[in-house]
Amino acid sequence: MNFIWVTPIVFFIVHNLLTLPFKESSKRRLASYLLASLGVLFVYWTISLAMQVVIRGESFSGFQQRLYNVILSTGIIDIVIYIGIVTAAVGAHFYHQAMRERFTLNQVKQELITEQLKVLRSQLNPHFLFNTLNTVTSLVRLKKLDDATLALSELSNMLRISLANKQSQTVSVREEMQFIHSYLLIQKMRFADKLEITTDIDNSCMNVHIPNMLLHPLVENAVQHGSQSNGKNNAVSLSIHLRHGMLEIDLVNNVGAHNSHEGFGIGVHNTRERLKKLYKDFQLELTPLENGLFRTLMRLPQHTD
C-alpha cells in the first residue's frame, strides 16, 4: 500500500486536532484521536483497494470480502507505518509551535530590552544636564563670565548631539567623543588648575559603534572622583584601541585618599545594566591602582555600521 497520498491528510488532521481548544479530558481526547485514526486507515484501505480494482479492470463483486482480507494481511504493517506518520506529524506540529512561540518570545524580549534601554538612557540625560548646569553655576559664582558663556555654548552642543541621537541605540566612537570633548571643555573651565586630561583614540576605532552615551558617565565619574583627591592635579587618561577584535576602553583617574570609589551611583550602574542587555561578551572592570589611581577597563565586541 502507498501512503504518499495519505501523509498530507494525516498531517492536516493531526494539526487541526492539536490546534482545536479541547475541553474534554485527556481520555476523551485520546479516544477522539484513535477514532480519527481508524477512520483514516479504513478510508485508506478502501480507496487503495478500489484503485487496484479499477486499474486492473476487475469486478467489484466480493469487494467487502477482499477488503477484509487486505486488512487481515497488511493491517498490522499499515498500522505501524501509520503510527510513524502520526508521530512525525505530531513532532512537526509541536516543532513549528515551539518555533512560533520562540519567535514571539524573542520579539517580546527585544521590545522589553528596548524599553528598558530607553528608561536607562532617560535617567542618564537629566543626570549629565544637572551636573553640567552645576558647573556653569560655579563659574558664574566665581565671576568667570567668559568661561560660563563658553560653557553654555558647549552645553548647547551637548544637547544638540544628544537630541540628534536620541532615537539611536548606538553611535560611532567619533560621535561619542564629540560629546565627551564638549563635556571635558566645561570641566576644564571649572577645574582649570587641577584637571589634566589626556586622550589617546586610535583612528581605527572612530567608526566602531558603541551604545549611545556609554562613555560619558564613566568620564564624568572620573572627573568628579578625581576632583575630591588631595593632590594638586587630577590626571584623567582615556584611551580607546582595538585589540583582538574587541574595542578596549581604558580610563584612569585619581581618587581621594578616603574614596573607595564604590559610590558610582546611577551612571556606572546604568552602564553595566545596559551592557548586560546589549552584549553577551563584555568586560567592565573597576580596579584600584597604586599612587591613588583608579582604573576603569571596558572591552566590547567590535561593531561597525
C-alpha atoms as a PDB file:
ATOM      1  CA  MET A   1       0.000   0.000   0.000  1.00  0.00           C
ATOM      2  CA  ASN A   2       1.213   3.523  -0.789  1.00  0.00           C
ATOM      3  CA  PHE A   3       0.974   6.100   1.992  1.00  0.00           C
ATOM      4  CA  ILE A   4       2.183   9.045  -0.137  1.00  0.00           C
ATOM      5  CA  TRP A   5      -1.306  10.477  -0.633  1.00  0.00           C
ATOM      6  CA  VAL A   6      -2.324   9.700   2.959  1.00  0.00           C
ATOM      7  CA  THR A   7       0.557  11.540   4.626  1.00  0.00           C
ATOM      8  CA  PRO A   8      -0.643  15.136   3.867  1.00  0.00           C
ATOM      9  CA  ILE A   9      -4.127  14.212   5.100  1.00  0.00           C
ATOM     10  CA  VAL A  10      -2.708  12.772   8.347  1.00  0.00           C
ATOM     11  CA  PHE A  11      -0.607  15.899   8.899  1.00  0.00           C
ATOM     12  CA  PHE A  12      -3.663  18.093   8.291  1.00  0.00           C
ATOM     13  CA  ILE A  13      -5.884  16.116  10.675  1.00  0.00           C
ATOM     14  CA  VAL A  14      -3.232  15.927  13.408  1.00  0.00           C
ATOM     15  CA  HIS A  15      -2.543  19.641  13.148  1.00  0.00           C
ATOM     16  CA  ASN A  16      -6.216  20.535  13.428  1.00  0.00           C
ATOM     17  CA  LEU A  17      -6.864  18.107  16.267  1.00  0.00           C
ATOM     18  CA  LEU A  18      -3.932  19.518  18.236  1.00  0.00           C
ATOM     19  CA  THR A  19      -4.890  23.090  17.446  1.00  0.00           C
ATOM     20  CA  LEU A  20      -8.532  22.858  18.495  1.00  0.00           C
ATOM     21  CA  PRO A  21      -9.200  24.085  22.064  1.00  0.00           C
ATOM     22  CA  PHE A  22     -10.304  20.756  23.535  1.00  0.00           C
ATOM     23  CA  LYS A  23     -12.309  20.974  26.723  1.00  0.00           C
ATOM     24  CA  GLU A  24     -12.634  17.217  27.187  1.00  0.00           C
ATOM     25  CA  SER A  25     -10.478  15.152  29.489  1.00  0.00           C
ATOM     26  CA  SER A  26      -7.257  13.558  28.240  1.00  0.00           C
ATOM     27  CA  LYS A  27      -9.009  10.180  27.877  1.00  0.00           C
ATOM     28  CA  ARG A  28     -11.758  11.622  25.701  1.00  0.00           C
ATOM     29  CA  ARG A  29      -9.185  13.479  23.621  1.00  0.00           C
ATOM     30  CA  LEU A  30      -7.208  10.258  23.122  1.00  0.00           C
ATOM     31  CA  ALA A  31     -10.405   8.469  22.126  1.00  0.00           C
ATOM     32  CA  SER A  32     -11.042  11.195  19.540  1.00  0.00           C
ATOM     33  CA  TYR A  33      -7.516  10.706  18.127  1.00  0.00           C
ATOM     34  CA  LEU A  34      -7.999   6.913  17.924  1.00  0.00           C
ATOM     35  CA  LEU A  35     -11.383   7.168  16.205  1.00  0.00           C
ATOM     36  CA  ALA A  36      -9.998   9.655  13.700  1.00  0.00           C
ATOM     37  CA  SER A  37      -7.027   7.377  13.074  1.00  0.00           C
ATOM     38  CA  LEU A  38      -9.229   4.322  12.500  1.00  0.00           C
ATOM     39  CA  GLY A  39     -11.364   6.368  10.148  1.00  0.00           C
ATOM     40  CA  VAL A  40      -8.334   7.463   8.124  1.00  0.00           C
ATOM     41  CA  LEU A  41      -6.981   3.907   7.950  1.00  0.00           C
ATOM     42  CA  PHE A  42     -10.318   2.484   6.863  1.00  0.00           C
ATOM     43  CA  VAL A  43     -10.665   5.122   4.147  1.00  0.00           C
ATOM     44  CA  TYR A  44      -7.071   4.434   3.105  1.00  0.00           C
ATOM     45  CA  TRP A  45      -7.670   0.664   2.785  1.00  0.00           C
ATOM     46  CA  THR A  46     -10.934   1.175   0.940  1.00  0.00           C
ATOM     47  CA  ILE A  47      -9.637   3.702  -1.583  1.00  0.00           C
ATOM     48  CA  SER A  48      -6.368   1.820  -2.146  1.00  0.00           C
ATOM     49  CA  LEU A  49      -8.228  -1.438  -2.887  1.00  0.00           C
ATOM     50  CA  ALA A  50     -10.753   0.358  -5.112  1.00  0.00           C
ATOM     51  CA  MET A  51      -7.889   1.927  -7.091  1.00  0.00           C
ATOM     52  CA  GLN A  52      -6.335  -1.510  -7.576  1.00  0.00           C
ATOM     53  CA  VAL A  53      -9.619  -2.944  -8.833  1.00  0.00           C
ATOM     54  CA  VAL A  54     -10.085  -0.061 -11.285  1.00  0.00           C
ATOM     55  CA  ILE A  55      -6.506  -0.168 -12.556  1.00  0.00           C
ATOM     56  CA  ARG A  56      -6.640  -3.951 -13.113  1.00  0.00           C
ATOM     57  CA  GLY A  57     -10.121  -3.759 -14.668  1.00  0.00           C
ATOM     58  CA  GLU A  58     -11.539  -6.246 -12.173  1.00  0.00           C
ATOM     59  CA  SER A  59     -15.112  -6.558 -10.924  1.00  0.00           C
ATOM     60  CA  PHE A  60     -16.243  -5.016  -7.615  1.00  0.00           C
ATOM     61  CA  SER A  61     -18.114  -8.205  -6.736  1.00  0.00           C
ATOM     62  CA  GLY A  62     -16.903  -9.573  -3.422  1.00  0.00           C
ATOM     63  CA  PHE A  63     -15.278  -6.198  -2.639  1.00  0.00           C
ATOM     64  CA  GLN A  64     -16.143  -6.379   1.062  1.00  0.00           C
ATOM     65  CA  GLN A  65     -14.512  -9.792   1.453  1.00  0.00           C
ATOM     66  CA  ARG A  66     -11.395  -8.641  -0.408  1.00  0.00           C
ATOM     67  CA  LEU A  67     -11.234  -5.553   1.823  1.00  0.00           C
ATOM     68  CA  TYR A  68     -11.488  -7.764   4.883  1.00  0.00           C
ATOM     69  CA  ASN A  69      -8.634  -9.954   3.577  1.00  0.00           C
ATOM     70  CA  VAL A  70      -6.456  -6.884   2.890  1.00  0.00           C
ATOM     71  CA  ILE A  71      -6.978  -5.612   6.434  1.00  0.00           C
ATOM     72  CA  LEU A  72      -6.046  -9.003   7.873  1.00  0.00           C
ATOM     73  CA  SER A  73      -2.972  -9.457   5.692  1.00  0.00           C
ATOM     74  CA  THR A  74      -1.437  -5.948   5.738  1.00  0.00           C
ATOM     75  CA  GLY A  75      -3.284  -4.278   8.592  1.00  0.00           C
ATOM     76  CA  ILE A  76      -0.506  -4.617  11.189  1.00  0.00           C
ATOM     77  CA  ILE A  77       2.175  -3.267   8.856  1.00  0.00           C
ATOM     78  CA  ASP A  78      -0.098  -0.423   7.729  1.00  0.00           C
ATOM     79  CA  ILE A  79      -0.903   0.478  11.325  1.00  0.00           C
ATOM     80  CA  VAL A  80       2.810   0.599  12.223  1.00  0.00           C
ATOM     81  CA  ILE A  81       3.519   2.836   9.221  1.00  0.00           C
ATOM     82  CA  TYR A  82       0.517   4.996  10.087  1.00  0.00           C
ATOM     83  CA  ILE A  83       1.719   5.373  13.678  1.00  0.00           C
ATOM     84  CA  GLY A  84       5.081   6.513  12.312  1.00  0.00           C
ATOM     85  CA  ILE A  85       3.388   9.115  10.117  1.00  0.00           C
ATOM     86  CA  VAL A  86       1.238  10.323  13.036  1.00  0.00           C
ATOM     87  CA  THR A  87       4.337  10.558  15.252  1.00  0.00           C
ATOM     88  CA  ALA A  88       6.096  12.608  12.577  1.00  0.00           C
ATOM     89  CA  ALA A  89       3.015  14.833  12.223  1.00  0.00           C
ATOM     90  CA  VAL A  90       2.801  15.401  15.980  1.00  0.00           C
ATOM     91  CA  GLY A  91       6.525  16.155  16.149  1.00  0.00           C
ATOM     92  CA  ALA A  92       6.283  18.587  13.229  1.00  0.00           C
ATOM     93  CA  HIS A  93       3.277  20.316  14.825  1.00  0.00           C
ATOM     94  CA  PHE A  94       4.990  20.863  18.170  1.00  0.00           C
ATOM     95  CA  TYR A  95       8.261  21.860  16.490  1.00  0.00           C
ATOM     96  CA  HIS A  96       6.554  24.588  14.473  1.00  0.00           C
ATOM     97  CA  GLN A  97       4.575  25.624  17.543  1.00  0.00           C
ATOM     98  CA  ALA A  98       7.795  25.891  19.558  1.00  0.00           C
ATOM     99  CA  MET A  99       9.406  27.944  16.770  1.00  0.00           C
ATOM    100  CA  ARG A 100       6.413  30.303  16.685  1.00  0.00           C
ATOM    101  CA  GLU A 101       6.466  30.697  20.463  1.00  0.00           C
ATOM    102  CA  ARG A 102      10.210  31.230  20.433  1.00  0.00           C
ATOM    103  CA  PHE A 103       9.877  33.877  17.731  1.00  0.00           C
ATOM    104  CA  THR A 104       7.098  35.598  19.676  1.00  0.00           C
ATOM    105  CA  LEU A 105       9.118  35.404  22.909  1.00  0.00           C
ATOM    106  CA  ASN A 106      12.172  36.888  21.193  1.00  0.00           C
ATOM    107  CA  GLN A 107      10.011  39.723  19.885  1.00  0.00           C
ATOM    108  CA  VAL A 108       8.654  40.409  23.374  1.00  0.00           C
ATOM    109  CA  LYS A 109      12.161  40.234  24.882  1.00  0.00           C
ATOM    110  CA  GLN A 110      13.516  42.638  22.257  1.00  0.00           C
ATOM    111  CA  GLU A 111      10.690  45.083  22.869  1.00  0.00           C
ATOM    112  CA  LEU A 112      11.259  44.821  26.621  1.00  0.00           C
ATOM    113  CA  ILE A 113      15.002  45.389  26.263  1.00  0.00           C
ATOM    114  CA  THR A 114      14.372  48.388  24.014  1.00  0.00           C
ATOM    115  CA  GLU A 115      12.018  49.917  26.573  1.00  0.00           C
ATOM    116  CA  GLN A 116      14.450  49.218  29.427  1.00  0.00           C
ATOM    117  CA  LEU A 117      17.281  50.856  27.494  1.00  0.00           C
ATOM    118  CA  LYS A 118      15.113  53.897  26.875  1.00  0.00           C
ATOM    119  CA  VAL A 119      14.470  54.145  30.623  1.00  0.00           C
ATOM    120  CA  LEU A 120      18.180  53.842  31.421  1.00  0.00           C
ATOM    121  CA  ARG A 121      19.111  56.498  28.882  1.00  0.00           C
ATOM    122  CA  SER A 122      16.314  58.780  30.078  1.00  0.00           C
ATOM    123  CA  GLN A 123      17.912  58.593  33.539  1.00  0.00           C
ATOM    124  CA  LEU A 124      21.348  59.483  32.144  1.00  0.00           C
ATOM    125  CA  ASN A 125      20.274  62.547  30.162  1.00  0.00           C
ATOM    126  CA  PRO A 126      18.985  64.631  33.102  1.00  0.00           C
ATOM    127  CA  HIS A 127      21.963  63.324  35.100  1.00  0.00           C
ATOM    128  CA  PHE A 128      24.584  64.922  32.832  1.00  0.00           C
ATOM    129  CA  LEU A 129      22.416  68.031  32.413  1.00  0.00           C
ATOM    130  CA  PHE A 130      22.146  68.510  36.193  1.00  0.00           C
ATOM    131  CA  ASN A 131      25.900  68.146  36.750  1.00  0.00           C
ATOM    132  CA  THR A 132      26.831  70.378  33.814  1.00  0.00           C
ATOM    133  CA  LEU A 133      24.474  73.154  34.965  1.00  0.00           C
ATOM    134  CA  ASN A 134      26.108  72.919  38.381  1.00  0.00           C
ATOM    135  CA  THR A 135      29.440  73.554  36.696  1.00  0.00           C
ATOM    136  CA  VAL A 136      28.068  76.601  34.861  1.00  0.00           C
ATOM    137  CA  THR A 137      26.620  77.887  38.139  1.00  0.00           C
ATOM    138  CA  SER A 138      30.036  77.532  39.801  1.00  0.00           C
ATOM    139  CA  LEU A 139      31.678  79.528  37.002  1.00  0.00           C
ATOM    140  CA  VAL A 140      29.145  82.328  37.404  1.00  0.00           C
ATOM    141  CA  ARG A 141      29.716  82.446  41.164  1.00  0.00           C
ATOM    142  CA  LEU A 142      33.453  82.683  40.531  1.00  0.00           C
ATOM    143  CA  LYS A 143      32.698  85.587  38.158  1.00  0.00           C
ATOM    144  CA  LYS A 144      34.242  83.715  35.240  1.00  0.00           C
ATOM    145  CA  LEU A 145      31.605  85.065  32.877  1.00  0.00           C
ATOM    146  CA  ASP A 146      33.502  84.370  29.650  1.00  0.00           C
ATOM    147  CA  ASP A 147      34.064  80.802  30.746  1.00  0.00           C
ATOM    148  CA  ALA A 148      30.410  80.495  31.757  1.00  0.00           C
ATOM    149  CA  THR A 149      29.327  81.744  28.308  1.00  0.00           C
ATOM    150  CA  LEU A 150      31.628  79.265  26.594  1.00  0.00           C
ATOM    151  CA  ALA A 151      30.386  76.520  28.922  1.00  0.00           C
ATOM    152  CA  LEU A 152      26.785  77.271  27.963  1.00  0.00           C
ATOM    153  CA  SER A 153      27.817  77.100  24.305  1.00  0.00           C
ATOM    154  CA  GLU A 154      29.394  73.682  24.852  1.00  0.00           C
ATOM    155  CA  LEU A 155      26.331  72.574  26.824  1.00  0.00           C
ATOM    156  CA  SER A 156      24.206  73.630  23.857  1.00  0.00           C
ATOM    157  CA  ASN A 157      26.430  71.478  21.655  1.00  0.00           C
ATOM    158  CA  MET A 158      25.996  68.528  24.026  1.00  0.00           C
ATOM    159  CA  LEU A 159      22.223  68.927  23.953  1.00  0.00           C
ATOM    160  CA  ARG A 160      22.272  69.168  20.155  1.00  0.00           C
ATOM    161  CA  ILE A 161      24.243  65.900  19.896  1.00  0.00           C
ATOM    162  CA  SER A 162      22.006  64.238  22.469  1.00  0.00           C
ATOM    163  CA  LEU A 163      18.816  65.256  20.610  1.00  0.00           C
ATOM    164  CA  ALA A 164      20.265  64.266  17.232  1.00  0.00           C
ATOM    165  CA  ASN A 165      20.999  60.767  18.545  1.00  0.00           C
ATOM    166  CA  LYS A 166      18.014  60.333  20.844  1.00  0.00           C
ATOM    167  CA  GLN A 167      16.474  57.659  18.578  1.00  0.00           C
ATOM    168  CA  SER A 168      19.763  55.812  18.104  1.00  0.00           C
ATOM    169  CA  GLN A 169      20.736  52.937  20.357  1.00  0.00           C
ATOM    170  CA  THR A 170      24.323  53.124  19.094  1.00  0.00           C
ATOM    171  CA  VAL A 171      26.652  55.849  17.838  1.00  0.00           C
ATOM    172  CA  SER A 172      30.165  55.811  16.478  1.00  0.00           C
ATOM    173  CA  VAL A 173      33.131  56.415  18.764  1.00  0.00           C
ATOM    174  CA  ARG A 174      33.702  59.613  16.773  1.00  0.00           C
ATOM    175  CA  GLU A 175      30.238  60.936  17.653  1.00  0.00           C
ATOM    176  CA  GLU A 176      30.580  59.862  21.285  1.00  0.00           C
ATOM    177  CA  MET A 177      33.932  61.642  21.586  1.00  0.00           C
ATOM    178  CA  GLN A 178      32.423  64.865  20.234  1.00  0.00           C
ATOM    179  CA  PHE A 179      30.037  64.777  23.174  1.00  0.00           C
ATOM    180  CA  ILE A 180      32.857  63.913  25.603  1.00  0.00           C
ATOM    181  CA  HIS A 181      35.039  66.696  24.202  1.00  0.00           C
ATOM    182  CA  SER A 182      32.386  69.318  24.969  1.00  0.00           C
ATOM    183  CA  TYR A 183      31.888  67.920  28.463  1.00  0.00           C
ATOM    184  CA  LEU A 184      35.620  67.922  29.230  1.00  0.00           C
ATOM    185  CA  LEU A 185      35.988  71.504  27.985  1.00  0.00           C
ATOM    186  CA  ILE A 186      33.353  72.567  30.505  1.00  0.00           C
ATOM    187  CA  GLN A 187      35.036  70.649  33.331  1.00  0.00           C
ATOM    188  CA  LYS A 188      38.416  72.065  32.357  1.00  0.00           C
ATOM    189  CA  MET A 189      36.977  75.544  32.915  1.00  0.00           C
ATOM    190  CA  ARG A 190      35.786  74.526  36.356  1.00  0.00           C
ATOM    191  CA  PHE A 191      38.989  72.760  37.452  1.00  0.00           C
ATOM    192  CA  ALA A 192      41.470  74.769  35.360  1.00  0.00           C
ATOM    193  CA  ASP A 193      44.370  74.380  37.789  1.00  0.00           C
ATOM    194  CA  LYS A 194      43.604  70.800  38.798  1.00  0.00           C
ATOM    195  CA  LEU A 195      42.287  68.812  35.834  1.00  0.00           C
ATOM    196  CA  GLU A 196      44.739  67.295  33.386  1.00  0.00           C
ATOM    197  CA  ILE A 197      43.154  65.415  30.502  1.00  0.00           C
ATOM    198  CA  THR A 198      44.917  63.016  28.157  1.00  0.00           C
ATOM    199  CA  THR A 199      43.104  61.212  25.340  1.00  0.00           C
ATOM    200  CA  ASP A 200      44.528  58.583  23.004  1.00  0.00           C
ATOM    201  CA  ILE A 201      41.895  57.422  20.497  1.00  0.00           C
ATOM    202  CA  ASP A 202      43.097  55.142  17.722  1.00  0.00           C
ATOM    203  CA  ASN A 203      41.792  56.277  14.329  1.00  0.00           C
ATOM    204  CA  SER A 204      40.771  52.698  13.547  1.00  0.00           C
ATOM    205  CA  CYS A 205      38.220  52.944  16.368  1.00  0.00           C
ATOM    206  CA  MET A 206      36.416  56.031  15.142  1.00  0.00           C
ATOM    207  CA  ASN A 207      33.772  54.183  13.119  1.00  0.00           C
ATOM    208  CA  VAL A 208      33.199  51.447  15.679  1.00  0.00           C
ATOM    209  CA  HIS A 209      29.691  51.669  17.124  1.00  0.00           C
ATOM    210  CA  ILE A 210      29.040  51.658  20.857  1.00  0.00           C
ATOM    211  CA  PRO A 211      25.890  52.248  22.941  1.00  0.00           C
ATOM    212  CA  ASN A 212      24.792  55.865  22.872  1.00  0.00           C
ATOM    213  CA  MET A 213      26.128  57.862  25.860  1.00  0.00           C
ATOM    214  CA  LEU A 214      28.242  54.947  27.056  1.00  0.00           C
ATOM    215  CA  LEU A 215      31.445  56.829  27.826  1.00  0.00           C
ATOM    216  CA  HIS A 216      30.019  59.946  29.416  1.00  0.00           C
ATOM    217  CA  PRO A 217      29.022  58.515  32.830  1.00  0.00           C
ATOM    218  CA  LEU A 218      32.445  56.859  33.129  1.00  0.00           C
ATOM    219  CA  VAL A 219      34.321  60.032  32.240  1.00  0.00           C
ATOM    220  CA  GLU A 220      32.041  62.071  34.497  1.00  0.00           C
ATOM    221  CA  ASN A 221      32.789  59.808  37.443  1.00  0.00           C
ATOM    222  CA  ALA A 222      36.498  60.005  36.744  1.00  0.00           C
ATOM    223  CA  VAL A 223      36.370  63.822  36.805  1.00  0.00           C
ATOM    224  CA  GLN A 224      34.129  64.041  39.885  1.00  0.00           C
ATOM    225  CA  HIS A 225      36.045  61.483  41.960  1.00  0.00           C
ATOM    226  CA  GLY A 226      39.375  62.952  40.934  1.00  0.00           C
ATOM    227  CA  SER A 227      38.272  66.424  41.998  1.00  0.00           C
ATOM    228  CA  GLN A 228      37.940  65.059  45.548  1.00  0.00           C
ATOM    229  CA  SER A 229      41.564  63.909  45.694  1.00  0.00           C
ATOM    230  CA  ASN A 230      44.026  65.702  47.936  1.00  0.00           C
ATOM    231  CA  GLY A 231      46.647  66.012  45.224  1.00  0.00           C
ATOM    232  CA  LYS A 232      47.168  69.152  43.211  1.00  0.00           C
ATOM    233  CA  ASN A 233      46.291  67.612  39.870  1.00  0.00           C
ATOM    234  CA  ASN A 234      43.612  65.193  38.793  1.00  0.00           C
ATOM    235  CA  ALA A 235      45.061  63.341  35.831  1.00  0.00           C
ATOM    236  CA  VAL A 236      42.349  61.745  33.696  1.00  0.00           C
ATOM    237  CA  SER A 237      43.603  59.474  30.933  1.00  0.00           C
ATOM    238  CA  LEU A 238      41.271  57.989  28.308  1.00  0.00           C
ATOM    239  CA  SER A 239      42.487  55.594  25.632  1.00  0.00           C
ATOM    240  CA  ILE A 240      40.486  53.599  23.098  1.00  0.00           C
ATOM    241  CA  HIS A 241      42.048  50.876  20.952  1.00  0.00           C
ATOM    242  CA  LEU A 242      41.124  47.742  19.035  1.00  0.00           C
ATOM    243  CA  ARG A 243      42.696  44.559  20.367  1.00  0.00           C
ATOM    244  CA  HIS A 244      41.914  41.041  19.159  1.00  0.00           C
ATOM    245  CA  GLY A 245      38.572  42.060  17.665  1.00  0.00           C
ATOM    246  CA  MET A 246      37.472  43.831  20.850  1.00  0.00           C
ATOM    247  CA  LEU A 247      37.113  47.538  21.495  1.00  0.00           C
ATOM    248  CA  GLU A 248      39.171  48.310  24.600  1.00  0.00           C
ATOM    249  CA  ILE A 249      38.340  51.457  26.560  1.00  0.00           C
ATOM    250  CA  ASP A 250      40.830  52.283  29.306  1.00  0.00           C
ATOM    251  CA  LEU A 251      40.113  55.125  31.728  1.00  0.00           C
ATOM    252  CA  VAL A 252      42.489  56.043  34.577  1.00  0.00           C
ATOM    253  CA  ASN A 253      41.978  58.825  37.121  1.00  0.00           C
ATOM    254  CA  ASN A 254      42.948  59.983  40.587  1.00  0.00           C
ATOM    255  CA  VAL A 255      40.749  59.280  43.594  1.00  0.00           C
ATOM    256  CA  GLY A 256      40.558  60.787  47.039  1.00  0.00           C
ATOM    257  CA  ALA A 257      42.513  59.174  49.837  1.00  0.00           C
ATOM    258  CA  HIS A 258      39.319  58.101  51.631  1.00  0.00           C
ATOM    259  CA  ASN A 259      37.345  57.438  48.466  1.00  0.00           C
ATOM    260  CA  SER A 260      36.680  53.724  47.960  1.00  0.00           C
ATOM    261  CA  HIS A 261      35.209  54.548  44.532  1.00  0.00           C
ATOM    262  CA  GLU A 262      32.310  52.275  45.304  1.00  0.00           C
ATOM    263  CA  GLY A 263      29.745  55.056  45.210  1.00  0.00           C
ATOM    264  CA  PHE A 264      29.484  55.142  41.444  1.00  0.00           C
ATOM    265  CA  GLY A 265      25.793  55.926  41.581  1.00  0.00           C
ATOM    266  CA  ILE A 266      23.383  55.899  38.695  1.00  0.00           C
ATOM    267  CA  GLY A 267      25.956  56.443  35.932  1.00  0.00           C
ATOM    268  CA  VAL A 268      28.063  53.298  36.176  1.00  0.00           C
ATOM    269  CA  HIS A 269      25.167  51.201  37.468  1.00  0.00           C
ATOM    270  CA  ASN A 270      23.166  52.038  34.354  1.00  0.00           C
ATOM    271  CA  THR A 271      26.204  51.472  32.159  1.00  0.00           C
ATOM    272  CA  ARG A 272      26.619  47.953  33.494  1.00  0.00           C
ATOM    273  CA  GLU A 273      22.898  47.224  33.116  1.00  0.00           C
ATOM    274  CA  ARG A 274      22.912  48.453  29.515  1.00  0.00           C
ATOM    275  CA  LEU A 275      25.928  46.307  28.652  1.00  0.00           C
ATOM    276  CA  LYS A 276      24.247  43.225  30.138  1.00  0.00           C
ATOM    277  CA  LYS A 277      21.271  43.754  27.867  1.00  0.00           C
ATOM    278  CA  LEU A 278      23.257  44.531  24.732  1.00  0.00           C
ATOM    279  CA  TYR A 279      26.192  42.121  24.854  1.00  0.00           C
ATOM    280  CA  LYS A 280      26.747  38.504  25.788  1.00  0.00           C
ATOM    281  CA  ASP A 281      30.508  39.003  25.823  1.00  0.00           C
ATOM    282  CA  PHE A 282      31.791  42.155  27.505  1.00  0.00           C
ATOM    283  CA  GLN A 283      34.010  43.247  30.378  1.00  0.00           C
ATOM    284  CA  LEU A 284      33.673  46.150  32.783  1.00  0.00           C
ATOM    285  CA  GLU A 285      36.418  46.059  35.389  1.00  0.00           C
ATOM    286  CA  LEU A 286      36.888  48.627  38.170  1.00  0.00           C
ATOM    287  CA  THR A 287      40.359  48.333  39.686  1.00  0.00           C
ATOM    288  CA  PRO A 288      42.144  50.489  42.292  1.00  0.00           C
ATOM    289  CA  LEU A 289      45.797  51.056  41.401  1.00  0.00           C
ATOM    290  CA  GLU A 290      48.803  52.325  43.317  1.00  0.00           C
ATOM    291  CA  ASN A 291      49.540  56.009  43.980  1.00  0.00           C
ATOM    292  CA  GLY A 292      45.883  56.957  44.408  1.00  0.00           C
ATOM    293  CA  LEU A 293      44.840  55.956  40.884  1.00  0.00           C
ATOM    294  CA  PHE A 294      41.773  54.095  39.753  1.00  0.00           C
ATOM    295  CA  ARG A 295      41.262  52.213  36.511  1.00  0.00           C
ATOM    296  CA  THR A 296      38.049  51.540  34.606  1.00  0.00           C
ATOM    297  CA  LEU A 297      38.610  48.998  31.843  1.00  0.00           C
ATOM    298  CA  MET A 298      35.897  48.067  29.366  1.00  0.00           C
ATOM    299  CA  ARG A 299      36.055  45.587  26.494  1.00  0.00           C
ATOM    300  CA  LEU A 300      33.241  45.350  23.944  1.00  0.00           C
ATOM    301  CA  PRO A 301      32.729  43.360  20.746  1.00  0.00           C
ATOM    302  CA  GLN A 302      33.655  45.338  17.656  1.00  0.00           C
ATOM    303  CA  HIS A 303      30.645  46.547  15.665  1.00  0.00           C
ATOM    304  CA  THR A 304      30.714  48.920  12.702  1.00  0.00           C
ATOM    305  CA  ASP A 305      27.871  50.199  10.531  1.00  0.00           C
END
